[in-house]
Every structure is written in structure tokens, then in C-alpha cells.
Amino acid sequence: MSSKRELIEPHEGDKRYVRRDENGRFTNDQVDVGRSLAADRRQHAAHKARPGHGDEGDR
């Protein structure tokens, strides 16, 4: 099971959702917040995702 997404802002104006592995390092799936929210608006999910796991709906 994957960990919850965390919101980071590496520098001002660049917000991203990231996941960390069991050692606390970033995994490869980093998503820009603007792209994530736009994708959410385009898709109508049949199944809701748990809080913090917004990219895992409809599985």
C-alpha cells in the first residue's frame, strides 16, 4: 500500500504532491498541483479515494 501524498513547495509558486518511501525519500511520482486539480475536474470518478490518496480513485 502506498503512503499518503504530501504537499511540498520547493520554491515559491511551485507546489507539488509527492509520496515518500519507507526511508523518507521521494518516490518517482511527483505531480504538480495545478495539473492534478485540472485532471480531477476532467474525470468523473465512480469510486471515491481515501483522504490523502487523491490520485488513486477508480481502482
PDB file of N, CA and C in Angstrom:
ATOM      1  N   MET A   1       0.842  -1.175   0.000  1.00  0.00           N
ATOM      2  CA  MET A   1       0.000   0.000   0.000  1.00  0.00           C
ATOM      3  C   MET A   1       0.887   1.238   0.000  1.00  0.00           C
ATOM      4  N   SER A   2       0.534   2.212  -0.799  1.00  0.00           N
ATOM      5  CA  SER A   2       1.342   3.416  -0.905  1.00  0.00           C
ATOM      6  C   SER A   2       1.035   4.381   0.231  1.00  0.00           C
ATOM      7  N   SER A   3       1.986   5.278   0.468  1.00  0.00           N
ATOM      8  CA  SER A   3       1.809   6.256   1.541  1.00  0.00           C
ATOM      9  C   SER A   3       0.931   7.404   1.074  1.00  0.00           C
ATOM     10  N   LYS A   4       0.524   8.247   2.008  1.00  0.00           N
ATOM     11  CA  LYS A   4      -0.292   9.407   1.665  1.00  0.00           C
ATOM     12  C   LYS A   4       0.558  10.416   0.904  1.00  0.00           C
ATOM     13  N   ARG A   5      -0.112  11.203   0.063  1.00  0.00           N
ATOM     14  CA  ARG A   5       0.595  12.259  -0.644  1.00  0.00           C
ATOM     15  C   ARG A   5       0.836  13.423   0.299  1.00  0.00           C
ATOM     16  N   GLU A   6       1.932  14.090   0.066  1.00  0.00           N
ATOM     17  CA  GLU A   6       2.328  15.226   0.891  1.00  0.00           C
ATOM     18  C   GLU A   6       2.488  16.438  -0.022  1.00  0.00           C
ATOM     19  N   LEU A   7       2.028  17.581   0.419  1.00  0.00           N
ATOM     20  CA  LEU A   7       2.153  18.804  -0.359  1.00  0.00           C
ATOM     21  C   LEU A   7       3.454  19.492   0.011  1.00  0.00           C
ATOM     22  N   ILE A   8       4.312  19.743  -0.984  1.00  0.00           N
ATOM     23  CA  ILE A   8       5.558  20.464  -0.737  1.00  0.00           C
ATOM     24  C   ILE A   8       5.596  21.678  -1.654  1.00  0.00           C
ATOM     25  N   GLU A   9       6.413  22.650  -1.293  1.00  0.00           N
ATOM     26  CA  GLU A   9       6.630  23.828  -2.132  1.00  0.00           C
ATOM     27  C   GLU A   9       8.133  24.075  -2.178  1.00  0.00           C
ATOM     28  N   PRO A  10       8.836  23.438  -3.165  1.00  0.00           N
ATOM     29  CA  PRO A  10      10.293  23.563  -3.230  1.00  0.00           C
ATOM     30  C   PRO A  10      10.758  25.011  -3.344  1.00  0.00           C
ATOM     31  N   HIS A  11      10.057  25.820  -4.111  1.00  0.00           N
ATOM     32  CA  HIS A  11      10.276  27.260  -4.141  1.00  0.00           C
ATOM     33  C   HIS A  11       8.931  27.933  -4.392  1.00  0.00           C
ATOM     34  N   GLU A  12       8.863  29.212  -4.102  1.00  0.00           N
ATOM     35  CA  GLU A  12       7.581  29.911  -4.113  1.00  0.00           C
ATOM     36  C   GLU A  12       6.890  29.794  -5.474  1.00  0.00           C
ATOM     37  N   GLY A  13       5.624  29.401  -5.448  1.00  0.00           N
ATOM     38  CA  GLY A  13       4.847  29.269  -6.668  1.00  0.00           C
ATOM     39  C   GLY A  13       4.909  27.897  -7.305  1.00  0.00           C
ATOM     40  N   ASP A  14       5.663  26.967  -6.738  1.00  0.00           N
ATOM     41  CA  ASP A  14       5.790  25.618  -7.305  1.00  0.00           C
ATOM     42  C   ASP A  14       5.342  24.604  -6.259  1.00  0.00           C
ATOM     43  N   LYS A  15       4.057  24.314  -6.231  1.00  0.00           N
ATOM     44  CA  LYS A  15       3.534  23.356  -5.264  1.00  0.00           C
ATOM     45  C   LYS A  15       3.377  22.004  -5.940  1.00  0.00           C
ATOM     46  N   ARG A  16       3.724  20.944  -5.219  1.00  0.00           N
ATOM     47  CA  ARG A  16       3.678  19.598  -5.772  1.00  0.00           C
ATOM     48  C   ARG A  16       3.173  18.616  -4.726  1.00  0.00           C
ATOM     49  N   TYR A  17       2.490  17.568  -5.215  1.00  0.00           N
ATOM     50  CA  TYR A  17       2.141  16.433  -4.373  1.00  0.00           C
ATOM     51  C   TYR A  17       3.211  15.376  -4.578  1.00  0.00           C
ATOM     52  N   VAL A  18       3.765  14.860  -3.484  1.00  0.00           N
ATOM     53  CA  VAL A  18       4.804  13.835  -3.570  1.00  0.00           C
ATOM     54  C   VAL A  18       4.473  12.701  -2.605  1.00  0.00           C
ATOM     55  N   ARG A  19       5.068  11.561  -2.864  1.00  0.00           N
ATOM     56  CA  ARG A  19       4.984  10.422  -1.942  1.00  0.00           C
ATOM     57  C   ARG A  19       6.388  10.110  -1.459  1.00  0.00           C
ATOM     58  N   ARG A  20       6.474   9.559  -0.276  1.00  0.00           N
ATOM     59  CA  ARG A  20       7.773   9.152   0.274  1.00  0.00           C
ATOM     60  C   ARG A  20       7.775   7.643   0.472  1.00  0.00           C
ATOM     61  N   ASP A  21       8.963   7.039   0.331  1.00  0.00           N
ATOM     62  CA  ASP A  21       9.080   5.606   0.577  1.00  0.00           C
ATOM     63  C   ASP A  21       9.294   5.363   2.073  1.00  0.00           C
ATOM     64  N   GLU A  22       9.552   4.116   2.442  1.00  0.00           N
ATOM     65  CA  GLU A  22       9.681   3.784   3.864  1.00  0.00           C
ATOM     66  C   GLU A  22      10.897   4.433   4.517  1.00  0.00           C
ATOM     67  N   ASN A  23      11.876   4.891   3.710  1.00  0.00           N
ATOM     68  CA  ASN A  23      13.051   5.572   4.255  1.00  0.00           C
ATOM     69  C   ASN A  23      12.902   7.091   4.266  1.00  0.00           C
ATOM     70  N   GLY A  24      11.751   7.597   3.829  1.00  0.00           N
ATOM     71  CA  GLY A  24      11.509   9.026   3.840  1.00  0.00           C
ATOM     72  C   GLY A  24      11.978   9.743   2.587  1.00  0.00           C
ATOM     73  N   ARG A  25      12.460   8.995   1.588  1.00  0.00           N
ATOM     74  CA  ARG A  25      12.894   9.610   0.339  1.00  0.00           C
ATOM     75  C   ARG A  25      11.716   9.741  -0.605  1.00  0.00           C
ATOM     76  N   PHE A  26      11.794  10.711  -1.527  1.00  0.00           N
ATOM     77  CA  PHE A  26      10.733  10.899  -2.512  1.00  0.00           C
ATOM     78  C   PHE A  26      10.709   9.731  -3.485  1.00  0.00           C
ATOM     79  N   THR A  27       9.509   9.284  -3.857  1.00  0.00           N
ATOM     80  CA  THR A  27       9.381   8.291  -4.919  1.00  0.00           C
ATOM     81  C   THR A  27       9.292   9.034  -6.244  1.00  0.00           C
ATOM     82  N   ASN A  28       9.132   8.324  -7.333  1.00  0.00           N
ATOM     83  CA  ASN A  28       9.150   8.942  -8.650  1.00  0.00           C
ATOM     84  C   ASN A  28       7.868   9.658  -9.003  1.00  0.00           C
ATOM     85  N   ASP A  29       6.766   9.411  -8.305  1.00  0.00           N
ATOM     86  CA  ASP A  29       5.537  10.081  -8.700  1.00  0.00           C
ATOM     87  C   ASP A  29       5.369  11.414  -7.975  1.00  0.00           C
ATOM     88  N   GLN A  30       5.815  12.479  -8.652  1.00  0.00           N
ATOM     89  CA  GLN A  30       5.617  13.838  -8.193  1.00  0.00           C
ATOM     90  C   GLN A  30       4.664  14.505  -9.166  1.00  0.00           C
ATOM     91  N   VAL A  31       3.643  15.168  -8.654  1.00  0.00           N
ATOM     92  CA  VAL A  31       2.612  15.753  -9.506  1.00  0.00           C
ATOM     93  C   VAL A  31       2.456  17.218  -9.163  1.00  0.00           C
ATOM     94  N   ASP A  32       2.501  18.072 -10.176  1.00  0.00           N
ATOM     95  CA  ASP A  32       2.251  19.490  -9.997  1.00  0.00           C
ATOM     96  C   ASP A  32       0.798  19.687  -9.567  1.00  0.00           C
ATOM     97  N   VAL A  33       0.554  20.558  -8.612  1.00  0.00           N
ATOM     98  CA  VAL A  33      -0.787  20.739  -8.057  1.00  0.00           C
ATOM     99  C   VAL A  33      -1.777  21.203  -9.122  1.00  0.00           C
ATOM    100  N   GLY A  34      -1.387  22.135  -9.966  1.00  0.00           N
ATOM    101  CA  GLY A  34      -2.291  22.638 -10.994  1.00  0.00           C
ATOM    102  C   GLY A  34      -2.725  21.543 -11.947  1.00  0.00           C
ATOM    103  N   ARG A  35      -1.799  20.677 -12.357  1.00  0.00           N
ATOM    104  CA  ARG A  35      -2.128  19.579 -13.262  1.00  0.00           C
ATOM    105  C   ARG A  35      -3.018  18.563 -12.564  1.00  0.00           C
ATOM    106  N   SER A  36      -2.775  18.330 -11.276  1.00  0.00           N
ATOM    107  CA  SER A  36      -3.571  17.368 -10.529  1.00  0.00           C
ATOM    108  C   SER A  36      -5.016  17.838 -10.390  1.00  0.00           C
ATOM    109  N   LEU A  37      -5.196  19.108 -10.061  1.00  0.00           N
ATOM    110  CA  LEU A  37      -6.545  19.634  -9.901  1.00  0.00           C
ATOM    111  C   LEU A  37      -7.281  19.688 -11.230  1.00  0.00           C
ATOM    112  N   ALA A  38      -6.562  19.990 -12.322  1.00  0.00           N
ATOM    113  CA  ALA A  38      -7.188  20.023 -13.644  1.00  0.00           C
ATOM    114  C   ALA A  38      -7.641  18.625 -14.046  1.00  0.00           C
ATOM    115  N   ALA A  39      -6.828  17.611 -13.748  1.00  0.00           N
ATOM    116  CA  ALA A  39      -7.193  16.233 -14.070  1.00  0.00           C
ATOM    117  C   ALA A  39      -8.408  15.804 -13.260  1.00  0.00           C
ATOM    118  N   ASP A  40      -8.503  16.255 -12.016  1.00  0.00           N
ATOM    119  CA  ASP A  40      -9.664  15.925 -11.181  1.00  0.00           C
ATOM    120  C   ASP A  40     -10.946  16.498 -11.771  1.00  0.00           C
ATOM    121  N   ARG A  41     -10.873  17.691 -12.329  1.00  0.00           N
ATOM    122  CA  ARG A  41     -12.060  18.307 -12.920  1.00  0.00           C
ATOM    123  C   ARG A  41     -12.486  17.583 -14.196  1.00  0.00           C
ATOM    124  N   ARG A  42     -11.540  17.040 -14.956  1.00  0.00           N
ATOM    125  CA  ARG A  42     -11.863  16.384 -16.215  1.00  0.00           C
ATOM    126  C   ARG A  42     -12.488  15.011 -16.033  1.00  0.00           C
ATOM    127  N   GLN A  43     -12.203  14.345 -14.928  1.00  0.00           N
ATOM    128  CA  GLN A  43     -12.651  12.964 -14.755  1.00  0.00           C
ATOM    129  C   GLN A  43     -13.735  12.872 -13.685  1.00  0.00           C
ATOM    130  N   HIS A  44     -14.776  12.087 -13.976  1.00  0.00           N
ATOM    131  CA  HIS A  44     -15.841  11.844 -13.014  1.00  0.00           C
ATOM    132  C   HIS A  44     -15.645  10.437 -12.468  1.00  0.00           C
ATOM    133  N   ALA A  45     -15.142  10.325 -11.260  1.00  0.00           N
ATOM    134  CA  ALA A  45     -14.795   9.042 -10.684  1.00  0.00           C
ATOM    135  C   ALA A  45     -16.033   8.302 -10.195  1.00  0.00           C
ATOM    136  N   ALA A  46     -16.037   6.990 -10.382  1.00  0.00           N
ATOM    137  CA  ALA A  46     -17.126   6.160  -9.893  1.00  0.00           C
ATOM    138  C   ALA A  46     -16.883   5.761  -8.433  1.00  0.00           C
ATOM    139  N   HIS A  47     -15.614   5.760  -8.018  1.00  0.00           N
ATOM    140  CA  HIS A  47     -15.257   5.384  -6.647  1.00  0.00           C
ATOM    141  C   HIS A  47     -14.440   6.501  -6.028  1.00  0.00           C
ATOM    142  N   LYS A  48     -14.747   6.833  -4.795  1.00  0.00           N
ATOM    143  CA  LYS A  48     -14.031   7.884  -4.084  1.00  0.00           C
ATOM    144  C   LYS A  48     -12.709   7.336  -3.557  1.00  0.00           C
ATOM    145  N   ALA A  49     -11.710   8.211  -3.476  1.00  0.00           N
ATOM    146  CA  ALA A  49     -10.411   7.844  -2.919  1.00  0.00           C
ATOM    147  C   ALA A  49     -10.379   8.250  -1.447  1.00  0.00           C
ATOM    148  N   ARG A  50      -9.519   7.579  -0.684  1.00  0.00           N
ATOM    149  CA  ARG A  50      -9.355   7.930   0.728  1.00  0.00           C
ATOM    150  C   ARG A  50      -8.656   9.282   0.837  1.00  0.00           C
ATOM    151  N   PRO A  51      -8.830   9.988   1.953  1.00  0.00           N
ATOM    152  CA  PRO A  51      -8.138  11.266   2.134  1.00  0.00           C
ATOM    153  C   PRO A  51      -6.628  11.082   2.039  1.00  0.00           C
ATOM    154  N   GLY A  52      -5.964  11.947   1.270  1.00  0.00           N
ATOM    155  CA  GLY A  52      -4.522  11.866   1.075  1.00  0.00           C
ATOM    156  C   GLY A  52      -4.114  10.961  -0.059  1.00  0.00           C
ATOM    157  N   HIS A  53      -5.059  10.290  -0.694  1.00  0.00           N
ATOM    158  CA  HIS A  53      -4.763   9.371  -1.791  1.00  0.00           C
ATOM    159  C   HIS A  53      -5.573   9.768  -3.025  1.00  0.00           C
ATOM    160  N   GLY A  54      -5.609  11.060  -3.340  1.00  0.00           N
ATOM    161  CA  GLY A  54      -6.478  11.572  -4.377  1.00  0.00           C
ATOM    162  C   GLY A  54      -6.204  11.050  -5.766  1.00  0.00           C
ATOM    163  N   ASP A  55      -4.977  10.598  -6.032  1.00  0.00           N
ATOM    164  CA  ASP A  55      -4.662  10.097  -7.365  1.00  0.00           C
ATOM    165  C   ASP A  55      -4.989   8.612  -7.516  1.00  0.00           C
ATOM    166  N   GLU A  56      -5.548   7.987  -6.513  1.00  0.00           N
ATOM    167  CA  GLU A  56      -5.807   6.540  -6.561  1.00  0.00           C
ATOM    168  C   GLU A  56      -7.280   6.214  -6.683  1.00  0.00           C
ATOM    169  N   GLY A  57      -8.109   7.143  -7.116  1.00  0.00           N
ATOM    170  CA  GLY A  57      -9.530   6.857  -7.276  1.00  0.00           C
ATOM    171  C   GLY A  57      -9.782   5.933  -8.460  1.00  0.00           C
ATOM    172  N   ASP A  58     -10.944   5.305  -8.500  1.00  0.00           N
ATOM    173  CA  ASP A  58     -11.359   4.407  -9.589  1.00  0.00           C
ATOM    174  C   ASP A  58     -10.425   3.216  -9.782  1.00  0.00           C
ATOM    175  N   ARG A  59      -9.974   2.626  -8.715  1.00  0.00           N
ATOM    176  CA  ARG A  59      -9.113   1.451  -8.854  1.00  0.00           C
ATOM    177  C   ARG A  59      -9.859   0.230  -8.391  1.00  0.00           C
TER     178      ARG A  59
END
